[in-house]
């Protein structure tokens, strides 16, 4: 979907439903026909005017504020008219229909999702990273995500990308100069310290990539699945993490038959926590469906909390069942072994350290058993001890999940980022690594070096939209809400 810039667009810019105020927005090369028909008077630029909104027969549809933003000093860079009426759905629909009727001469039509912001991008009012930040600000689920999206909207991420691009362009100029003047005896690359410039550029790309990773975490969050045998306390742990009674908790094994989801936040990072059915063999038909869904959630998880019952740690059958589950866990998913019910274990009780035979070389598969006292921590680095009932040990689990996510508190502030930004930065890094390899060779292939730097710049420019395919733009803006 690409905007048809020769056509005027209009839409209700506020969310559906009842509200005190609703907004109808119009963007066109000239909105005077709508102003004349609906407002029946001239509007001074960028000033709110209280007036009746007129129907075709001259009667009042509603009374409210009209604001005219003449081009190019508007959100889209075109003429923009905003009509602020009462927030009833019928009133706004009548007002939108009146605008479409009055704008027939300028081919006014209903805007597609994200089309106002798309026009702002195409008219140079903001770049692609800033445009995406608008949607991220609207969708932000935590305060930290909202603040980070605001930084990106203000251009902080874009400035970082432009600084990298400028350094890359300077380096490309040196290489191109060497290619264009081979007869000169001056070694442009050596005299300008091209190798040092490239090393500094790689370091800066790594720094921006780290900050972008933090921003992507704030936007996407982490998908965490709680798994384990029945009655290990999975639902209790979900309730403890969420601070609310979300899942049913009973002493009866197999109470949870389906997945239960809840989004929480730790230091501003959203965690989408999923409670699943207890994993066991020989379950009846309905419970078995829940178990199959649990394994589906585990396969797609960013991290798994493998929950064990500390009160049954010495039972051979329980150890064997845990080992069987551990053997089936995906190798590429980080696993945190957590021993629950520490409050139910008597002080001073010692537990044996058990190592399953399957996948024993994987640290996350080591079923280390801890004592109730947190000071007697197990030797396995991936295991924690807690009590979901009392809350003891939950802070350590939260810290471990942030560690798995790769979260680091950034003192200079984090800007919001998306997976496509990270993918582009990884490609930049890969091309720069290859360029460094070419530069380090004694018999330098300068044409290959120049090509790697060109590809790195193209990948970098995709972030801000200076080098983007039309289909990418269509995907991005089609996910916006209508009227934005």
Protein backbone atom coordinates (compact mmCIF):
# COMPACT_ATOMS: atom_id res chain seq x y z
CA UNK A 1 0.00 0.00 0.00
CA UNK A 2 1.48 3.29 -1.13
CA UNK A 3 -0.34 6.59 -0.79
CA UNK A 4 -2.00 8.12 -3.83
CA UNK A 5 -0.72 11.62 -3.13
CA UNK A 6 -2.95 13.25 -5.74
CA UNK A 7 -6.05 12.37 -3.71
CA UNK A 8 -7.33 14.04 -0.55
CA UNK A 9 -7.96 11.81 2.49
CA UNK A 10 -10.18 12.02 5.57
CA UNK A 11 -10.77 9.82 8.61
CA UNK A 12 -11.97 9.76 12.19
CA UNK A 13 -8.70 10.16 14.11
CA UNK A 14 -9.95 9.10 17.55
CA UNK A 15 -10.62 5.59 18.81
CA UNK A 16 -14.06 4.03 18.19
CA UNK A 17 -16.59 4.36 20.99
CA UNK A 18 -18.07 7.08 23.16
CA UNK A 19 -15.92 9.93 24.43
CA UNK A 20 -15.97 13.57 25.40
CA UNK A 21 -14.21 14.65 22.21
CA UNK A 22 -13.75 13.08 18.78
CA UNK A 23 -11.64 14.31 15.86
CA UNK A 24 -12.18 14.15 12.11
CA UNK A 25 -8.98 14.85 10.17
CA UNK A 26 -8.63 15.87 6.52
CA UNK A 27 -5.39 16.14 4.53
CA UNK A 28 -5.22 17.49 0.98
CA UNK A 29 -3.28 19.83 -1.26
CA UNK A 30 -6.06 22.36 -0.64
CA UNK A 31 -8.75 21.92 2.05
CA UNK A 32 -10.56 25.21 1.35
CA UNK A 33 -13.60 23.49 -0.26
CA UNK A 34 -14.19 21.56 3.00
CA UNK A 35 -13.62 24.66 5.14
CA UNK A 36 -16.10 26.67 3.06
CA UNK A 37 -18.76 23.96 3.13
CA UNK A 38 -18.46 22.66 6.70
CA UNK A 39 -17.24 25.73 8.59
CA UNK A 40 -18.85 28.42 6.38
CA UNK A 41 -16.11 30.93 7.24
CA UNK A 42 -12.40 31.51 6.87
CA UNK A 43 -10.09 29.96 9.47
CA UNK A 44 -6.91 31.74 10.61
CA UNK A 45 -3.84 29.46 10.39
CA UNK A 46 -3.19 27.25 13.41
CA UNK A 47 -5.88 28.85 15.58
CA UNK A 48 -8.78 26.97 17.14
CA UNK A 49 -12.15 28.49 16.17
CA UNK A 50 -15.39 27.52 17.90
CA UNK A 51 -18.23 27.23 15.40
CA UNK A 52 -21.11 25.03 14.20
CA UNK A 53 -20.33 22.29 11.66
CA UNK A 54 -22.83 22.71 8.83
CA UNK A 55 -24.73 20.02 6.96
CA UNK A 56 -25.53 20.44 3.27
CA UNK A 57 -28.87 22.14 4.08
CA UNK A 58 -27.16 24.61 6.42
CA UNK A 59 -28.32 22.98 9.64
CA UNK A 60 -25.79 22.28 12.41
CA UNK A 61 -24.42 18.75 12.73
CA UNK A 62 -22.61 19.71 15.95
CA UNK A 63 -20.61 22.53 17.46
CA UNK A 64 -16.90 22.29 18.14
CA UNK A 65 -13.41 23.49 17.28
CA UNK A 66 -11.94 23.76 13.78
CA UNK A 67 -8.19 24.16 13.19
CA UNK A 68 -6.56 24.76 9.80
CA UNK A 69 -2.87 23.83 9.37
CA UNK A 70 -1.74 25.27 6.01
CA UNK A 71 0.98 23.40 4.09
CA UNK A 72 3.81 22.78 4.65
CA UNK A 73 3.49 23.47 8.40
CA UNK A 74 1.33 20.47 9.24
CA UNK A 75 1.67 16.85 10.29
CA UNK A 76 1.47 15.51 6.74
CA UNK A 77 3.13 18.45 4.98
CA UNK A 78 -0.15 19.10 3.12
CA UNK A 79 -3.11 21.29 4.06
CA UNK A 80 -4.69 19.70 7.13
CA UNK A 81 -8.08 20.43 8.70
CA UNK A 82 -9.02 19.04 12.12
CA UNK A 83 -12.60 19.16 13.35
CA UNK A 84 -13.04 18.51 17.07
CA UNK A 85 -16.62 17.52 17.85
CA UNK A 86 -18.38 15.65 20.63
CA UNK A 87 -17.18 12.06 20.80
CA UNK A 88 -20.32 10.16 19.88
CA UNK A 89 -19.88 7.64 17.07
CA UNK A 90 -22.97 8.83 15.15
CA UNK A 91 -21.88 12.48 15.33
CA UNK A 92 -18.40 11.67 14.02
CA UNK A 93 -19.77 9.49 11.22
CA UNK A 94 -22.13 12.29 10.16
CA UNK A 95 -19.26 14.78 10.22
CA UNK A 96 -16.99 12.48 8.19
CA UNK A 97 -19.75 11.87 5.65
CA UNK A 98 -20.28 15.63 5.33
CA UNK A 99 -16.56 16.18 4.68
CA UNK A 100 -16.54 13.46 2.00
CA UNK A 101 -19.60 15.04 0.38
CA UNK A 102 -18.06 18.52 0.44
CA UNK A 103 -14.73 17.21 -0.83
CA UNK A 104 -16.06 15.44 -3.91
CA UNK A 105 -14.51 18.11 -6.14
CA UNK A 106 -11.03 17.33 -4.78
CA UNK A 107 -11.61 13.53 -4.83
CA UNK A 108 -11.70 13.24 -1.04
CA UNK A 109 -11.79 9.64 0.14
CA UNK A 110 -11.50 7.72 3.42
CA UNK A 111 -7.87 7.24 4.46
CA UNK A 112 -6.28 3.83 4.68
CA UNK A 113 -4.53 2.69 7.90
CA UNK A 114 -1.41 4.76 8.55
CA UNK A 115 -1.90 6.96 5.48
CA UNK A 116 -1.57 10.29 7.30
CA UNK A 117 1.79 9.22 8.76
CA UNK A 118 2.81 7.72 5.43
CA UNK A 119 2.26 11.09 3.76
CA UNK A 120 4.31 12.75 6.49
CA UNK A 121 7.14 10.33 5.61
CA UNK A 122 6.82 10.74 1.84
CA UNK A 123 6.69 14.53 2.21
CA UNK A 124 9.86 14.57 4.29
CA UNK A 125 8.27 15.58 7.61
CA UNK A 126 9.84 12.60 9.36
CA UNK A 127 11.90 9.54 8.44
CA UNK A 128 10.82 5.92 8.59
CA UNK A 129 12.25 5.24 12.05
CA UNK A 130 10.36 8.24 13.42
CA UNK A 131 7.17 7.14 11.66
CA UNK A 132 7.42 3.69 13.26
CA UNK A 133 8.03 5.34 16.63
CA UNK A 134 4.58 6.97 16.39
CA UNK A 135 2.91 3.56 16.20
CA UNK A 136 5.19 2.26 18.97
CA UNK A 137 4.26 5.20 21.20
CA UNK A 138 0.56 4.45 20.69
CA UNK A 139 1.09 0.73 21.36
CA UNK A 140 3.52 1.13 24.29
CA UNK A 141 2.58 -1.19 27.16
CA UNK A 142 5.01 0.21 29.75
CA UNK A 143 6.21 3.65 30.80
CA UNK A 144 9.78 2.80 29.75
CA UNK A 145 8.58 1.77 26.29
CA UNK A 146 6.61 5.01 25.92
CA UNK A 147 9.59 7.15 26.93
CA UNK A 148 11.86 5.25 24.54
CA UNK A 149 9.38 5.65 21.69
CA UNK A 150 9.31 9.38 22.40
CA UNK A 151 13.10 9.51 22.06
CA UNK A 152 12.89 7.76 18.70
CA UNK A 153 10.09 10.08 17.58
CA UNK A 154 12.26 13.06 18.52
CA UNK A 155 14.92 11.68 16.17
CA UNK A 156 17.45 10.25 18.63
CA UNK A 157 17.67 6.87 16.88
CA UNK A 158 17.75 8.55 13.46
CA UNK A 159 20.61 10.82 14.53
CA UNK A 160 22.61 7.76 15.61
CA UNK A 161 21.97 6.13 12.23
CA UNK A 162 22.87 9.32 10.33
CA UNK A 163 26.15 9.62 12.26
CA UNK A 164 27.04 6.05 11.26
CA UNK A 165 26.07 6.79 7.67
CA UNK A 166 28.21 9.94 7.54
CA UNK A 167 31.25 8.05 8.83
CA UNK A 168 30.58 5.30 6.30
CA UNK A 169 30.30 7.83 3.44
CA UNK A 170 33.66 9.37 4.42
CA UNK A 171 35.25 5.92 4.32
CA UNK A 172 33.68 5.15 0.96
CA UNK A 173 35.09 8.42 -0.43
CA UNK A 174 38.62 7.33 0.49
CA UNK A 175 38.20 3.96 -1.18
CA UNK A 176 36.60 5.47 -4.30
CA UNK A 177 39.45 8.02 -4.52
CA UNK A 178 41.99 5.20 -4.52
CA UNK A 179 40.02 3.38 -7.22
CA UNK A 180 39.58 6.50 -9.39
CA UNK A 181 43.24 7.58 -9.32
CA UNK A 182 45.31 4.38 -9.45
CA UNK A 183 48.17 6.20 -11.17
CA UNK A 184 48.74 8.41 -8.14
CA UNK A 185 51.50 7.24 -5.82
CA UNK A 186 49.68 8.57 -2.78
CA UNK A 187 48.02 5.82 -0.77
CA UNK A 188 44.82 7.52 0.25
CA UNK A 189 43.75 4.67 2.54
CA UNK A 190 46.95 4.51 4.56
CA UNK A 191 47.44 8.26 4.93
CA UNK A 192 43.83 8.74 6.08
CA UNK A 193 44.01 5.80 8.53
CA UNK A 194 41.20 3.94 6.78
CA UNK A 195 41.77 0.88 8.94
CA UNK A 196 41.38 2.93 12.11
CA UNK A 197 38.26 4.64 10.75
CA UNK A 198 36.73 1.29 9.90
CA UNK A 199 37.51 -0.09 13.38
CA UNK A 200 35.89 2.93 15.04
CA UNK A 201 32.87 2.59 12.77
CA UNK A 202 32.47 -1.07 13.73
CA UNK A 203 32.66 -0.16 17.42
CA UNK A 204 29.98 2.50 16.96
CA UNK A 205 27.73 0.08 15.08
CA UNK A 206 28.08 -2.40 17.97
CA UNK A 207 27.14 0.33 20.46
CA UNK A 208 24.06 1.38 18.49
CA UNK A 209 23.09 -2.27 18.02
CA UNK A 210 23.21 -2.83 21.79
CA UNK A 211 20.96 0.16 22.43
CA UNK A 212 18.61 -0.93 19.65
CA UNK A 213 18.43 -4.40 21.22
CA UNK A 214 17.33 -2.81 24.50
CA UNK A 215 14.70 -0.80 22.64
CA UNK A 216 13.43 -3.90 20.85
CA UNK A 217 13.02 -5.62 24.22
CA UNK A 218 10.94 -2.71 25.48
CA UNK A 219 8.74 -2.96 22.41
CA UNK A 220 8.42 -6.72 21.95
CA UNK A 221 9.02 -8.03 25.46
CA UNK A 222 10.00 -11.60 26.33
CA UNK A 223 7.78 -14.66 25.88
CA UNK A 224 8.28 -16.78 29.02
CA UNK A 225 6.66 -20.19 29.56
CA UNK A 226 6.32 -21.86 32.97
CA UNK A 227 6.60 -25.63 32.52
CA UNK A 228 6.94 -28.65 34.77
CA UNK A 229 5.16 -31.61 36.28
CA UNK A 230 1.65 -31.28 37.75
CA UNK A 231 1.41 -29.64 41.18
CA UNK A 232 4.88 -28.08 41.00
CA UNK A 233 3.27 -24.69 41.64
CA UNK A 234 3.20 -23.24 38.11
CA UNK A 235 -0.10 -21.41 38.60
CA UNK A 236 1.03 -20.17 42.00
CA UNK A 237 4.21 -18.80 40.42
CA UNK A 238 2.22 -17.03 37.69
CA UNK A 239 -0.02 -15.47 40.35
CA UNK A 240 3.01 -14.43 42.41
CA UNK A 241 4.74 -12.80 39.43
CA UNK A 242 1.54 -11.03 38.35
CA UNK A 243 0.54 -10.02 41.87
CA UNK A 244 -3.01 -11.25 41.25
CA UNK A 245 -5.03 -14.46 41.41
CA UNK A 246 -5.15 -15.19 37.68
CA UNK A 247 -4.91 -18.97 37.64
CA UNK A 248 -6.82 -21.51 39.75
CA UNK A 249 -4.63 -23.11 42.42
CA UNK A 250 -5.63 -26.39 44.09
CA UNK A 251 -3.79 -29.39 45.55
CA UNK A 252 -5.32 -31.54 42.79
CA UNK A 253 -2.86 -32.44 40.05
CA UNK A 254 -3.85 -31.41 36.54
CA UNK A 255 -6.01 -28.41 37.51
CA UNK A 256 -4.62 -26.30 34.64
CA UNK A 257 -5.96 -27.69 31.36
CA UNK A 258 -5.18 -24.77 29.04
CA UNK A 259 -2.63 -21.98 28.75
CA UNK A 260 -3.09 -18.88 30.92
CA UNK A 261 -1.31 -15.70 29.79
CA UNK A 262 -0.40 -12.53 31.63
CA UNK A 263 1.88 -9.62 30.74
CA UNK A 264 3.95 -8.19 33.57
CA UNK A 265 6.86 -5.77 33.53
CA UNK A 266 10.26 -5.91 35.17
CA UNK A 267 12.25 -2.66 35.07
CA UNK A 268 10.01 -1.55 32.23
CA UNK A 269 10.57 -4.69 30.13
CA UNK A 270 7.28 -6.47 29.24
CA UNK A 271 7.27 -10.18 30.05
CA UNK A 272 4.50 -12.24 28.51
CA UNK A 273 4.27 -15.10 31.03
CA UNK A 274 2.37 -18.26 30.11
CA UNK A 275 1.19 -20.88 32.62
CA UNK A 276 0.76 -24.32 31.06
CA UNK A 277 -0.73 -27.69 31.89
CA UNK A 278 1.41 -30.04 33.96
CA UNK A 279 3.59 -32.29 31.80
CA UNK A 280 3.09 -35.98 32.49
CA UNK A 281 2.45 -39.30 30.81
CA UNK A 282 -0.86 -41.12 30.90
CA UNK A 283 -3.09 -38.04 31.20
CA UNK A 284 -6.76 -38.33 30.25
CA UNK A 285 -7.94 -36.93 26.90
CA UNK A 286 -8.82 -33.35 27.88
CA UNK A 287 -5.66 -32.92 29.95
CA UNK A 288 -3.58 -34.39 27.11
CA UNK A 289 -4.84 -31.62 24.79
CA UNK A 290 -3.60 -29.07 27.34
CA UNK A 291 -0.23 -30.84 27.50
CA UNK A 292 0.13 -30.72 23.71
CA UNK A 293 -0.62 -26.99 23.79
CA UNK A 294 1.97 -26.59 26.54
CA UNK A 295 4.68 -28.14 24.35
CA UNK A 296 3.61 -25.83 21.51
CA UNK A 297 4.12 -22.82 23.77
CA UNK A 298 7.52 -24.15 24.89
CA UNK A 299 8.68 -24.53 21.27
CA UNK A 300 7.94 -20.83 20.59
CA UNK A 301 9.20 -19.44 23.91
CA UNK A 302 12.05 -16.96 24.39
CA UNK A 303 12.73 -18.59 27.78
CA UNK A 304 11.35 -21.48 29.83
CA UNK A 305 10.98 -21.58 33.60
CA UNK A 306 11.33 -25.30 34.35
CA UNK A 307 9.59 -25.57 37.72
CA UNK A 308 10.37 -28.42 40.15
CA UNK A 309 8.76 -29.41 43.45
CA UNK A 310 11.41 -29.15 46.19
CA UNK A 311 9.38 -31.35 48.55
CA UNK A 312 9.66 -34.28 46.10
CA UNK A 313 13.27 -33.78 45.13
CA UNK A 314 14.44 -37.10 46.63
CA UNK A 315 11.78 -39.24 44.95
CA UNK A 316 13.35 -41.38 42.24
CA UNK A 317 10.16 -41.41 40.13
CA UNK A 318 9.92 -37.62 40.31
CA UNK A 319 13.57 -37.24 39.30
CA UNK A 320 13.05 -39.62 36.39
CA UNK A 321 9.99 -37.72 35.14
CA UNK A 322 11.86 -34.40 35.40
CA UNK A 323 14.75 -35.87 33.43
CA UNK A 324 12.35 -37.04 30.71
CA UNK A 325 10.89 -33.54 30.42
CA UNK A 326 14.37 -31.99 30.37
CA UNK A 327 15.37 -34.26 27.49
CA UNK A 328 12.46 -32.96 25.39
CA UNK A 329 13.06 -29.25 25.98
CA UNK A 330 14.30 -27.40 22.86
CA UNK A 331 18.07 -26.97 22.80
CA UNK A 332 17.88 -23.40 21.48
CA UNK A 333 15.55 -22.08 24.21
CA UNK A 334 17.16 -20.80 27.46
CA UNK A 335 15.91 -22.77 30.47
CA UNK A 336 15.90 -21.63 34.10
CA UNK A 337 15.57 -24.48 36.58
CA UNK A 338 13.52 -23.24 39.53
CA UNK A 339 12.82 -25.21 42.71
CA UNK A 340 9.54 -24.16 44.30
CA UNK A 341 8.01 -24.71 47.77
CA UNK A 342 11.11 -23.73 49.73
CA UNK A 343 8.77 -22.68 52.56
CA UNK A 344 7.56 -26.28 52.92
CA UNK A 345 11.03 -27.76 53.48
CA UNK A 346 12.35 -28.05 57.04
CA UNK A 347 15.44 -26.04 57.96
CA UNK A 348 18.72 -27.90 57.72
CA UNK A 349 17.44 -30.58 55.36
CA UNK A 350 20.03 -31.57 52.74
CA UNK A 351 19.13 -32.71 49.29
CA UNK A 352 21.18 -34.79 46.89
CA UNK A 353 22.55 -33.26 43.70
CA UNK A 354 20.97 -35.17 40.83
CA UNK A 355 22.22 -35.12 37.26
CA UNK A 356 19.95 -36.68 34.61
CA UNK A 357 21.45 -39.02 32.07
CA UNK A 358 19.82 -37.28 29.09
CA UNK A 359 21.35 -34.00 27.87
CA UNK A 360 23.52 -33.85 30.97
CA UNK A 361 26.10 -31.72 29.17
CA UNK A 362 23.62 -28.84 28.85
CA UNK A 363 23.82 -26.53 31.91
CA UNK A 364 20.11 -25.76 31.88
CA UNK A 365 19.28 -29.48 32.08
CA UNK A 366 21.12 -30.00 35.39
CA UNK A 367 18.42 -30.62 37.97
CA UNK A 368 20.35 -29.29 40.94
CA UNK A 369 18.37 -29.43 44.18
CA UNK A 370 18.76 -26.63 46.65
CA UNK A 371 18.11 -26.43 50.36
CA UNK A 372 15.34 -24.22 51.70
CA UNK A 373 17.91 -21.75 52.92
CA UNK A 374 18.87 -19.49 49.96
CA UNK A 375 22.42 -19.35 51.27
CA UNK A 376 22.75 -23.06 50.44
CA UNK A 377 22.43 -22.33 46.74
CA UNK A 378 22.97 -25.25 44.35
CA UNK A 379 26.12 -25.49 42.30
CA UNK A 380 24.26 -25.57 38.98
CA UNK A 381 24.33 -22.01 37.62
CA UNK A 382 20.89 -22.23 36.01
CA UNK A 383 18.90 -23.23 39.11
CA UNK A 384 17.09 -21.04 41.64
CA UNK A 385 15.13 -21.70 44.80
CA UNK A 386 11.98 -19.82 45.75
CA UNK A 387 8.60 -19.97 47.38
CA UNK A 388 5.71 -18.87 45.18
CA UNK A 389 3.52 -18.80 48.30
CA UNK A 390 5.66 -16.39 50.35
CA UNK A 391 7.40 -14.59 47.47
CA UNK A 392 10.90 -15.46 48.72
CA UNK A 393 13.35 -15.75 45.81
CA UNK A 394 11.12 -14.02 43.22
CA UNK A 395 13.53 -11.09 42.85
CA UNK A 396 16.33 -13.48 41.88
CA UNK A 397 14.07 -15.06 39.25
CA UNK A 398 13.15 -11.65 37.84
CA UNK A 399 16.84 -10.73 37.62
CA UNK A 400 17.62 -14.02 35.85
CA UNK A 401 14.90 -13.43 33.26
CA UNK A 402 16.27 -9.95 32.52
CA UNK A 403 19.74 -11.48 32.19
CA UNK A 404 18.43 -14.00 29.66
CA UNK A 405 16.75 -11.18 27.76
CA UNK A 406 20.08 -9.36 27.56
CA UNK A 407 18.70 -6.31 29.34
CA UNK A 408 21.16 -3.72 30.60
CA UNK A 409 20.17 -0.42 32.15
CA UNK A 410 21.44 2.21 29.73
CA UNK A 411 22.37 5.41 31.56
CA UNK A 412 22.04 7.58 28.45
CA UNK A 413 18.51 6.35 27.74
CA UNK A 414 17.17 3.77 25.33
CA UNK A 415 15.40 4.48 22.03
CA UNK A 416 12.66 2.19 20.76
CA UNK A 417 13.62 -0.20 17.97
CA UNK A 418 12.14 -3.03 15.96
CA UNK A 419 13.38 -6.39 14.79
CA UNK A 420 13.85 -5.04 11.26
CA UNK A 421 16.20 -2.38 12.67
CA UNK A 422 18.25 -5.05 14.43
CA UNK A 423 18.32 -7.15 11.25
CA UNK A 424 19.58 -4.16 9.26
CA UNK A 425 22.28 -3.38 11.85
CA UNK A 426 23.43 -7.02 11.85
CA UNK A 427 23.81 -6.84 8.06
CA UNK A 428 25.77 -3.60 8.42
CA UNK A 429 28.05 -5.31 10.92
CA UNK A 430 28.53 -8.33 8.65
CA UNK A 431 29.43 -6.16 5.63
CA UNK A 432 31.87 -4.11 7.72
CA UNK A 433 33.53 -7.29 8.98
CA UNK A 434 34.03 -8.43 5.40
CA UNK A 435 35.31 -4.96 4.48
CA UNK A 436 37.82 -5.14 7.33
CA UNK A 437 38.98 -8.53 6.08
CA UNK A 438 39.48 -7.11 2.58
CA UNK A 439 41.35 -4.10 3.96
CA UNK A 440 43.66 -6.29 6.05
CA UNK A 441 44.76 -8.39 3.09
CA UNK A 442 48.12 -7.52 1.56
CA UNK A 443 46.73 -7.82 -1.94
CA UNK A 444 43.73 -5.60 -1.38
CA UNK A 445 40.75 -6.07 -3.67
CA UNK A 446 39.57 -2.47 -3.50
CA UNK A 447 36.56 -3.07 -5.72
CA UNK A 448 35.31 -5.75 -3.27
CA UNK A 449 36.04 -3.43 -0.35
CA UNK A 450 34.04 -0.65 -2.02
CA UNK A 451 31.14 -3.02 -2.68
CA UNK A 452 30.98 -4.17 0.97
CA UNK A 453 30.91 -0.56 2.14
CA UNK A 454 28.15 0.25 -0.37
CA UNK A 455 26.05 -2.68 0.84
CA UNK A 456 26.61 -1.60 4.45
CA UNK A 457 25.35 1.89 3.64
CA UNK A 458 22.27 0.52 1.87
CA UNK A 459 21.43 -1.67 4.88
CA UNK A 460 21.88 1.33 7.19
CA UNK A 461 19.67 3.53 5.01
CA UNK A 462 16.83 1.00 5.21
CA UNK A 463 16.32 1.97 8.85
CA UNK A 464 15.41 5.58 8.07
CA UNK A 465 13.75 4.81 4.75
CA UNK A 466 16.32 6.44 2.48
CA UNK A 467 16.76 3.07 0.77
CA UNK A 468 13.54 1.03 1.09
CA UNK A 469 11.40 -1.17 -1.10
CA UNK A 470 7.80 -0.08 -1.65
CA UNK A 471 6.45 -3.38 -0.32
CA UNK A 472 8.28 -2.79 2.99
CA UNK A 473 6.61 0.62 3.32
CA UNK A 474 3.24 -0.96 2.61
CA UNK A 475 3.68 -3.53 5.37
CA UNK A 476 4.83 -0.94 7.90
CA UNK A 477 2.05 1.61 7.41
CA UNK A 478 -0.77 -0.92 6.96
CA UNK A 479 -0.33 -1.87 10.64
CA UNK A 480 -1.10 1.65 11.86
CA UNK A 481 -4.55 2.57 13.09
CA UNK A 482 -6.91 4.45 10.72
CA UNK A 483 -6.67 8.21 11.13
CA UNK A 484 -2.96 8.20 12.04
